[in-house]
Amino acid sequence: MNITVNEKVTNFVDKKEVLKYASVQFNSGQFPNSLNGNLQVTSSDGITVTATEDEIIAAAKKRIQALIAETPAKTTEV
């Protein structure tokens, strides 16, 4: 899976810089069995304003895997 961190967006809350979100882009697989998209990783995913690119990628990967696991694939019987 390829994951690219595009940007980190922060806000100031009570005079302290906090992470609003990190924007990532991802793609995996090869056509016709491929998946791609964009995702916002937030502090609820366990990252902070000081998170490294690798930490953001790890959190994004967990989030993507959880989203995929939520909806089981439909199969057709032949």
PDB file of N, CA and C in Angstrom:
ATOM      1  N   MET A   1       0.851  -1.168   0.000  1.00  0.00           N
ATOM      2  CA  MET A   1       0.000   0.000   0.000  1.00  0.00           C
ATOM      3  C   MET A   1       0.896   1.229   0.000  1.00  0.00           C
ATOM      4  N   ASN A   2       0.599   2.161  -0.879  1.00  0.00           N
ATOM      5  CA  ASN A   2       1.321   3.428  -0.935  1.00  0.00           C
ATOM      6  C   ASN A   2       0.496   4.497  -0.231  1.00  0.00           C
ATOM      7  N   ILE A   3       1.126   5.167   0.738  1.00  0.00           N
ATOM      8  CA  ILE A   3       0.452   6.239   1.473  1.00  0.00           C
ATOM      9  C   ILE A   3       1.353   7.468   1.444  1.00  0.00           C
ATOM     10  N   THR A   4       0.782   8.595   1.037  1.00  0.00           N
ATOM     11  CA  THR A   4       1.520   9.849   0.983  1.00  0.00           C
ATOM     12  C   THR A   4       0.861  10.857   1.916  1.00  0.00           C
ATOM     13  N   VAL A   5       1.662  11.470   2.786  1.00  0.00           N
ATOM     14  CA  VAL A   5       1.146  12.519   3.671  1.00  0.00           C
ATOM     15  C   VAL A   5       1.226  13.833   2.902  1.00  0.00           C
ATOM     16  N   ASN A   6       0.076  14.482   2.738  1.00  0.00           N
ATOM     17  CA  ASN A   6       0.031  15.729   1.973  1.00  0.00           C
ATOM     18  C   ASN A   6       0.252  16.961   2.839  1.00  0.00           C
ATOM     19  N   GLU A   7      -0.421  17.035   3.987  1.00  0.00           N
ATOM     20  CA  GLU A   7      -0.285  18.221   4.834  1.00  0.00           C
ATOM     21  C   GLU A   7      -0.764  17.934   6.250  1.00  0.00           C
ATOM     22  N   LYS A   8      -0.260  18.743   7.175  1.00  0.00           N
ATOM     23  CA  LYS A   8      -0.760  18.737   8.553  1.00  0.00           C
ATOM     24  C   LYS A   8      -1.425  20.079   8.783  1.00  0.00           C
ATOM     25  N   VAL A   9      -2.630  20.059   9.331  1.00  0.00           N
ATOM     26  CA  VAL A   9      -3.360  21.294   9.621  1.00  0.00           C
ATOM     27  C   VAL A   9      -3.489  21.403  11.134  1.00  0.00           C
ATOM     28  N   THR A  10      -3.089  22.553  11.670  1.00  0.00           N
ATOM     29  CA  THR A  10      -3.141  22.762  13.115  1.00  0.00           C
ATOM     30  C   THR A  10      -4.001  23.975  13.446  1.00  0.00           C
ATOM     31  N   ASN A  11      -4.429  24.025  14.692  1.00  0.00           N
ATOM     32  CA  ASN A  11      -5.174  25.159  15.243  1.00  0.00           C
ATOM     33  C   ASN A  11      -4.530  25.539  16.565  1.00  0.00           C
ATOM     34  N   PHE A  12      -4.866  26.721  17.047  1.00  0.00           N
ATOM     35  CA  PHE A  12      -4.447  27.111  18.389  1.00  0.00           C
ATOM     36  C   PHE A  12      -5.659  27.036  19.302  1.00  0.00           C
ATOM     37  N   VAL A  13      -5.521  26.264  20.371  1.00  0.00           N
ATOM     38  CA  VAL A  13      -6.574  26.115  21.372  1.00  0.00           C
ATOM     39  C   VAL A  13      -5.953  26.482  22.715  1.00  0.00           C
ATOM     40  N   ASP A  14      -6.529  27.471  23.375  1.00  0.00           N
ATOM     41  CA  ASP A  14      -5.987  27.954  24.652  1.00  0.00           C
ATOM     42  C   ASP A  14      -4.501  28.280  24.534  1.00  0.00           C
ATOM     43  N   LYS A  15      -4.133  28.979  23.452  1.00  0.00           N
ATOM     44  CA  LYS A  15      -2.763  29.424  23.186  1.00  0.00           C
ATOM     45  C   LYS A  15      -1.782  28.270  22.973  1.00  0.00           C
ATOM     46  N   LYS A  16      -2.310  27.096  22.638  1.00  0.00           N
ATOM     47  CA  LYS A  16      -1.474  25.922  22.422  1.00  0.00           C
ATOM     48  C   LYS A  16      -1.786  25.357  21.041  1.00  0.00           C
ATOM     49  N   GLU A  17      -0.745  25.019  20.279  1.00  0.00           N
ATOM     50  CA  GLU A  17      -0.957  24.455  18.948  1.00  0.00           C
ATOM     51  C   GLU A  17      -1.386  22.992  19.056  1.00  0.00           C
ATOM     52  N   VAL A  18      -2.498  22.661  18.415  1.00  0.00           N
ATOM     53  CA  VAL A  18      -3.005  21.285  18.416  1.00  0.00           C
ATOM     54  C   VAL A  18      -3.293  20.856  16.973  1.00  0.00           C
ATOM     55  N   LEU A  19      -3.206  19.570  16.754  1.00  0.00           N
ATOM     56  CA  LEU A  19      -3.454  19.027  15.426  1.00  0.00           C
ATOM     57  C   LEU A  19      -4.942  19.011  15.116  1.00  0.00           C
ATOM     58  N   LYS A  20      -5.310  19.555  13.978  1.00  0.00           N
ATOM     59  CA  LYS A  20      -6.690  19.452  13.505  1.00  0.00           C
ATOM     60  C   LYS A  20      -6.821  18.159  12.698  1.00  0.00           C
ATOM     61  N   TYR A  21      -5.942  17.973  11.701  1.00  0.00           N
ATOM     62  CA  TYR A  21      -5.894  16.719  10.948  1.00  0.00           C
ATOM     63  C   TYR A  21      -4.641  16.682  10.078  1.00  0.00           C
ATOM     64  N   ALA A  22      -4.294  15.482   9.633  1.00  0.00           N
ATOM     65  CA  ALA A  22      -3.260  15.284   8.623  1.00  0.00           C
ATOM     66  C   ALA A  22      -3.953  14.659   7.424  1.00  0.00           C
ATOM     67  N   SER A  23      -3.725  15.213   6.262  1.00  0.00           N
ATOM     68  CA  SER A  23      -4.357  14.739   5.036  1.00  0.00           C
ATOM     69  C   SER A  23      -3.430  13.745   4.343  1.00  0.00           C
ATOM     70  N   VAL A  24      -3.961  12.566   4.007  1.00  0.00           N
ATOM     71  CA  VAL A  24      -3.164  11.547   3.329  1.00  0.00           C
ATOM     72  C   VAL A  24      -3.882  11.057   2.076  1.00  0.00           C
ATOM     73  N   GLN A  25      -3.100  10.565   1.151  1.00  0.00           N
ATOM     74  CA  GLN A  25      -3.605   9.970  -0.081  1.00  0.00           C
ATOM     75  C   GLN A  25      -3.060   8.548  -0.123  1.00  0.00           C
ATOM     76  N   PHE A  26      -3.885   7.585  -0.563  1.00  0.00           N
ATOM     77  CA  PHE A  26      -3.418   6.196  -0.582  1.00  0.00           C
ATOM     78  C   PHE A  26      -3.874   5.469  -1.837  1.00  0.00           C
ATOM     79  N   ASN A  27      -3.117   4.419  -2.191  1.00  0.00           N
ATOM     80  CA  ASN A  27      -3.528   3.508  -3.252  1.00  0.00           C
ATOM     81  C   ASN A  27      -2.900   2.148  -2.998  1.00  0.00           C
ATOM     82  N   SER A  28      -3.611   1.115  -3.434  1.00  0.00           N
ATOM     83  CA  SER A  28      -3.156  -0.246  -3.208  1.00  0.00           C
ATOM     84  C   SER A  28      -3.746  -1.156  -4.270  1.00  0.00           C
ATOM     85  N   GLY A  29      -3.007  -2.180  -4.628  1.00  0.00           N
ATOM     86  CA  GLY A  29      -3.497  -3.167  -5.580  1.00  0.00           C
ATOM     87  C   GLY A  29      -3.297  -2.746  -7.018  1.00  0.00           C
ATOM     88  N   GLN A  30      -3.781  -3.610  -7.914  1.00  0.00           N
ATOM     89  CA  GLN A  30      -3.701  -3.346  -9.343  1.00  0.00           C
ATOM     90  C   GLN A  30      -5.076  -3.534  -9.956  1.00  0.00           C
ATOM     91  N   PHE A  31      -5.371  -2.751 -10.973  1.00  0.00           N
ATOM     92  CA  PHE A  31      -6.660  -2.830 -11.646  1.00  0.00           C
ATOM     93  C   PHE A  31      -6.890  -4.254 -12.120  1.00  0.00           C
ATOM     94  N   PRO A  32      -8.041  -4.831 -11.940  1.00  0.00           N
ATOM     95  CA  PRO A  32      -9.299  -4.244 -11.493  1.00  0.00           C
ATOM     96  C   PRO A  32      -9.499  -4.330  -9.983  1.00  0.00           C
ATOM     97  N   ASN A  33      -8.556  -4.916  -9.277  1.00  0.00           N
ATOM     98  CA  ASN A  33      -8.673  -5.062  -7.817  1.00  0.00           C
ATOM     99  C   ASN A  33      -7.796  -4.036  -7.119  1.00  0.00           C
ATOM    100  N   SER A  34      -8.207  -2.788  -7.194  1.00  0.00           N
ATOM    101  CA  SER A  34      -7.412  -1.722  -6.591  1.00  0.00           C
ATOM    102  C   SER A  34      -8.296  -0.832  -5.729  1.00  0.00           C
ATOM    103  N   LEU A  35      -7.637  -0.104  -4.862  1.00  0.00           N
ATOM    104  CA  LEU A  35      -8.325   0.802  -3.950  1.00  0.00           C
ATOM    105  C   LEU A  35      -7.485   2.064  -3.851  1.00  0.00           C
ATOM    106  N   ASN A  36      -8.123   3.230  -3.934  1.00  0.00           N
ATOM    107  CA  ASN A  36      -7.392   4.478  -3.740  1.00  0.00           C
ATOM    108  C   ASN A  36      -8.332   5.520  -3.159  1.00  0.00           C
ATOM    109  N   GLY A  37      -7.745   6.525  -2.522  1.00  0.00           N
ATOM    110  CA  GLY A  37      -8.572   7.566  -1.944  1.00  0.00           C
ATOM    111  C   GLY A  37      -7.784   8.538  -1.095  1.00  0.00           C
ATOM    112  N   ASN A  38      -8.526   9.379  -0.397  1.00  0.00           N
ATOM    113  CA  ASN A  38      -7.964  10.389   0.499  1.00  0.00           C
ATOM    114  C   ASN A  38      -8.576  10.206   1.874  1.00  0.00           C
ATOM    115  N   LEU A  39      -7.822  10.564   2.892  1.00  0.00           N
ATOM    116  CA  LEU A  39      -8.260  10.347   4.262  1.00  0.00           C
ATOM    117  C   LEU A  39      -7.684  11.437   5.153  1.00  0.00           C
ATOM    118  N   GLN A  40      -8.440  11.828   6.171  1.00  0.00           N
ATOM    119  CA  GLN A  40      -7.924  12.747   7.180  1.00  0.00           C
ATOM    120  C   GLN A  40      -7.689  11.962   8.464  1.00  0.00           C
ATOM    121  N   VAL A  41      -6.458  11.990   8.943  1.00  0.00           N
ATOM    122  CA  VAL A  41      -6.086  11.326  10.184  1.00  0.00           C
ATOM    123  C   VAL A  41      -6.093  12.394  11.272  1.00  0.00           C
ATOM    124  N   THR A  42      -6.724  12.100  12.412  1.00  0.00           N
ATOM    125  CA  THR A  42      -6.870  13.093  13.478  1.00  0.00           C
ATOM    126  C   THR A  42      -6.251  12.597  14.778  1.00  0.00           C
ATOM    127  N   SER A  43      -6.340  13.427  15.799  1.00  0.00           N
ATOM    128  CA  SER A  43      -5.811  13.045  17.113  1.00  0.00           C
ATOM    129  C   SER A  43      -6.534  11.825  17.672  1.00  0.00           C
ATOM    130  N   SER A  44      -7.771  11.590  17.254  1.00  0.00           N
ATOM    131  CA  SER A  44      -8.481  10.387  17.714  1.00  0.00           C
ATOM    132  C   SER A  44      -7.848   9.114  17.150  1.00  0.00           C
ATOM    133  N   ASP A  45      -6.984   9.265  16.144  1.00  0.00           N
ATOM    134  CA  ASP A  45      -6.237   8.134  15.594  1.00  0.00           C
ATOM    135  C   ASP A  45      -4.894   7.955  16.297  1.00  0.00           C
ATOM    136  N   GLY A  46      -4.649   8.759  17.325  1.00  0.00           N
ATOM    137  CA  GLY A  46      -3.444   8.597  18.135  1.00  0.00           C
ATOM    138  C   GLY A  46      -2.242   9.414  17.698  1.00  0.00           C
ATOM    139  N   ILE A  47      -2.443  10.439  16.876  1.00  0.00           N
ATOM    140  CA  ILE A  47      -1.315  11.277  16.481  1.00  0.00           C
ATOM    141  C   ILE A  47      -1.465  12.676  17.073  1.00  0.00           C
ATOM    142  N   THR A  48      -0.351  13.358  17.188  1.00  0.00           N
ATOM    143  CA  THR A  48      -0.339  14.711  17.744  1.00  0.00           C
ATOM    144  C   THR A  48       0.328  15.656  16.751  1.00  0.00           C
ATOM    145  N   VAL A  49       0.417  16.905  17.125  1.00  0.00           N
ATOM    146  CA  VAL A  49       1.026  17.917  16.268  1.00  0.00           C
ATOM    147  C   VAL A  49       2.501  17.599  15.999  1.00  0.00           C
ATOM    148  N   THR A  50       3.147  16.846  16.873  1.00  0.00           N
ATOM    149  CA  THR A  50       4.562  16.511  16.700  1.00  0.00           C
ATOM    150  C   THR A  50       4.777  15.179  15.987  1.00  0.00           C
ATOM    151  N   ALA A  51       3.719  14.565  15.486  1.00  0.00           N
ATOM    152  CA  ALA A  51       3.827  13.262  14.828  1.00  0.00           C
ATOM    153  C   ALA A  51       4.717  13.340  13.590  1.00  0.00           C
ATOM    154  N   THR A  52       5.508  12.293  13.401  1.00  0.00           N
ATOM    155  CA  THR A  52       6.357  12.206  12.219  1.00  0.00           C
ATOM    156  C   THR A  52       5.541  11.676  11.043  1.00  0.00           C
ATOM    157  N   GLU A  53       6.105  11.773   9.863  1.00  0.00           N
ATOM    158  CA  GLU A  53       5.432  11.253   8.669  1.00  0.00           C
ATOM    159  C   GLU A  53       5.168   9.750   8.818  1.00  0.00           C
ATOM    160  N   ASP A  54       6.134   9.009   9.357  1.00  0.00           N
ATOM    161  CA  ASP A  54       5.962   7.564   9.551  1.00  0.00           C
ATOM    162  C   ASP A  54       4.838   7.248  10.535  1.00  0.00           C
ATOM    163  N   GLU A  55       4.708   8.046  11.592  1.00  0.00           N
ATOM    164  CA  GLU A  55       3.627   7.837  12.564  1.00  0.00           C
ATOM    165  C   GLU A  55       2.263   8.117  11.935  1.00  0.00           C
ATOM    166  N   ILE A  56       2.193   9.139  11.098  1.00  0.00           N
ATOM    167  CA  ILE A  56       0.938   9.467  10.417  1.00  0.00           C
ATOM    168  C   ILE A  56       0.572   8.359   9.437  1.00  0.00           C
ATOM    169  N   ILE A  57       1.554   7.849   8.707  1.00  0.00           N
ATOM    170  CA  ILE A  57       1.311   6.755   7.760  1.00  0.00           C
ATOM    171  C   ILE A  57       0.815   5.514   8.490  1.00  0.00           C
ATOM    172  N   ALA A  58       1.424   5.185   9.632  1.00  0.00           N
ATOM    173  CA  ALA A  58       0.993   4.013  10.408  1.00  0.00           C
ATOM    174  C   ALA A  58      -0.449   4.178  10.890  1.00  0.00           C
ATOM    175  N   ALA A  59      -0.797   5.372  11.363  1.00  0.00           N
ATOM    176  CA  ALA A  59      -2.166   5.630  11.826  1.00  0.00           C
ATOM    177  C   ALA A  59      -3.150   5.565  10.658  1.00  0.00           C
ATOM    178  N   ALA A  60      -2.753   6.088   9.505  1.00  0.00           N
ATOM    179  CA  ALA A  60      -3.618   6.048   8.325  1.00  0.00           C
ATOM    180  C   ALA A  60      -3.851   4.611   7.877  1.00  0.00           C
ATOM    181  N   LYS A  61      -2.802   3.800   7.902  1.00  0.00           N
ATOM    182  CA  LYS A  61      -2.927   2.400   7.490  1.00  0.00           C
ATOM    183  C   LYS A  61      -3.910   1.654   8.391  1.00  0.00           C
ATOM    184  N   LYS A  62      -3.824   1.891   9.705  1.00  0.00           N
ATOM    185  CA  LYS A  62      -4.770   1.269  10.647  1.00  0.00           C
ATOM    186  C   LYS A  62      -6.195   1.708  10.337  1.00  0.00           C
ATOM    187  N   ARG A  63      -6.370   2.991  10.059  1.00  0.00           N
ATOM    188  CA  ARG A  63      -7.700   3.544   9.775  1.00  0.00           C
ATOM    189  C   ARG A  63      -8.279   2.955   8.499  1.00  0.00           C
ATOM    190  N   ILE A  64      -7.449   2.848   7.455  1.00  0.00           N
ATOM    191  CA  ILE A  64      -7.887   2.287   6.176  1.00  0.00           C
ATOM    192  C   ILE A  64      -8.287   0.828   6.357  1.00  0.00           C
ATOM    193  N   GLN A  65      -7.469   0.062   7.074  1.00  0.00           N
ATOM    194  CA  GLN A  65      -7.778  -1.351   7.308  1.00  0.00           C
ATOM    195  C   GLN A  65      -9.071  -1.502   8.099  1.00  0.00           C
ATOM    196  N   ALA A  66      -9.312  -0.623   9.056  1.00  0.00           N
ATOM    197  CA  ALA A  66     -10.551  -0.675   9.841  1.00  0.00           C
ATOM    198  C   ALA A  66     -11.759  -0.340   8.969  1.00  0.00           C
ATOM    199  N   LEU A  67     -11.613   0.628   8.080  1.00  0.00           N
ATOM    200  CA  LEU A  67     -12.712   0.979   7.179  1.00  0.00           C
ATOM    201  C   LEU A  67     -13.048  -0.181   6.243  1.00  0.00           C
ATOM    202  N   ILE A  68     -12.034  -0.852   5.752  1.00  0.00           N
ATOM    203  CA  ILE A  68     -12.249  -1.995   4.857  1.00  0.00           C
ATOM    204  C   ILE A  68     -12.933  -3.127   5.611  1.00  0.00           C
ATOM    205  N   ALA A  69     -12.531  -3.367   6.835  1.00  0.00           N
ATOM    206  CA  ALA A  69     -13.090  -4.465   7.628  1.00  0.00           C
ATOM    207  C   ALA A  69     -14.552  -4.225   7.999  1.00  0.00           C
ATOM    208  N   GLU A  70     -15.001  -2.968   8.024  1.00  0.00           N
ATOM    209  CA  GLU A  70     -16.382  -2.644   8.388  1.00  0.00           C
ATOM    210  C   GLU A  70     -17.401  -3.216   7.418  1.00  0.00           C
ATOM    211  N   THR A  71     -17.075  -3.256   6.139  1.00  0.00           N
ATOM    212  CA  THR A  71     -18.021  -3.701   5.123  1.00  0.00           C
ATOM    213  C   THR A  71     -17.488  -4.950   4.442  1.00  0.00           C
ATOM    214  N   PRO A  72     -18.022  -6.104   4.791  1.00  0.00           N
ATOM    215  CA  PRO A  72     -17.540  -7.323   4.146  1.00  0.00           C
ATOM    216  C   PRO A  72     -17.882  -7.332   2.654  1.00  0.00           C
ATOM    217  N   ALA A  73     -17.010  -7.924   1.876  1.00  0.00           N
ATOM    218  CA  ALA A  73     -17.230  -7.994   0.432  1.00  0.00           C
ATOM    219  C   ALA A  73     -18.399  -8.910   0.115  1.00  0.00           C
ATOM    220  N   LYS A  74     -19.196  -8.498  -0.853  1.00  0.00           N
ATOM    221  CA  LYS A  74     -20.302  -9.341  -1.306  1.00  0.00           C
ATOM    222  C   LYS A  74     -19.758 -10.303  -2.354  1.00  0.00           C
ATOM    223  N   THR A  75     -20.162 -11.547  -2.262  1.00  0.00           N
ATOM    224  CA  THR A  75     -19.719 -12.534  -3.243  1.00  0.00           C
ATOM    225  C   THR A  75     -20.920 -13.059  -4.005  1.00  0.00           C
ATOM    226  N   THR A  76     -20.668 -13.469  -5.206  1.00  0.00           N
ATOM    227  CA  THR A  76     -21.738 -14.070  -6.002  1.00  0.00           C
ATOM    228  C   THR A  76     -21.384 -15.523  -6.247  1.00  0.00           C
ATOM    229  N   GLU A  77     -22.359 -16.375  -6.113  1.00  0.00           N
ATOM    230  CA  GLU A  77     -22.122 -17.795  -6.338  1.00  0.00           C
ATOM    231  C   GLU A  77     -22.363 -18.112  -7.795  1.00  0.00           C
ATOM    232  N   VAL A  78     -21.527 -18.979  -8.339  1.00  0.00           N
ATOM    233  CA  VAL A  78     -21.654 -19.369  -9.745  1.00  0.00           C
ATOM    234  C   VAL A  78     -22.279 -20.731  -9.846  1.00  0.00           C
TER     235      VAL A  78
END
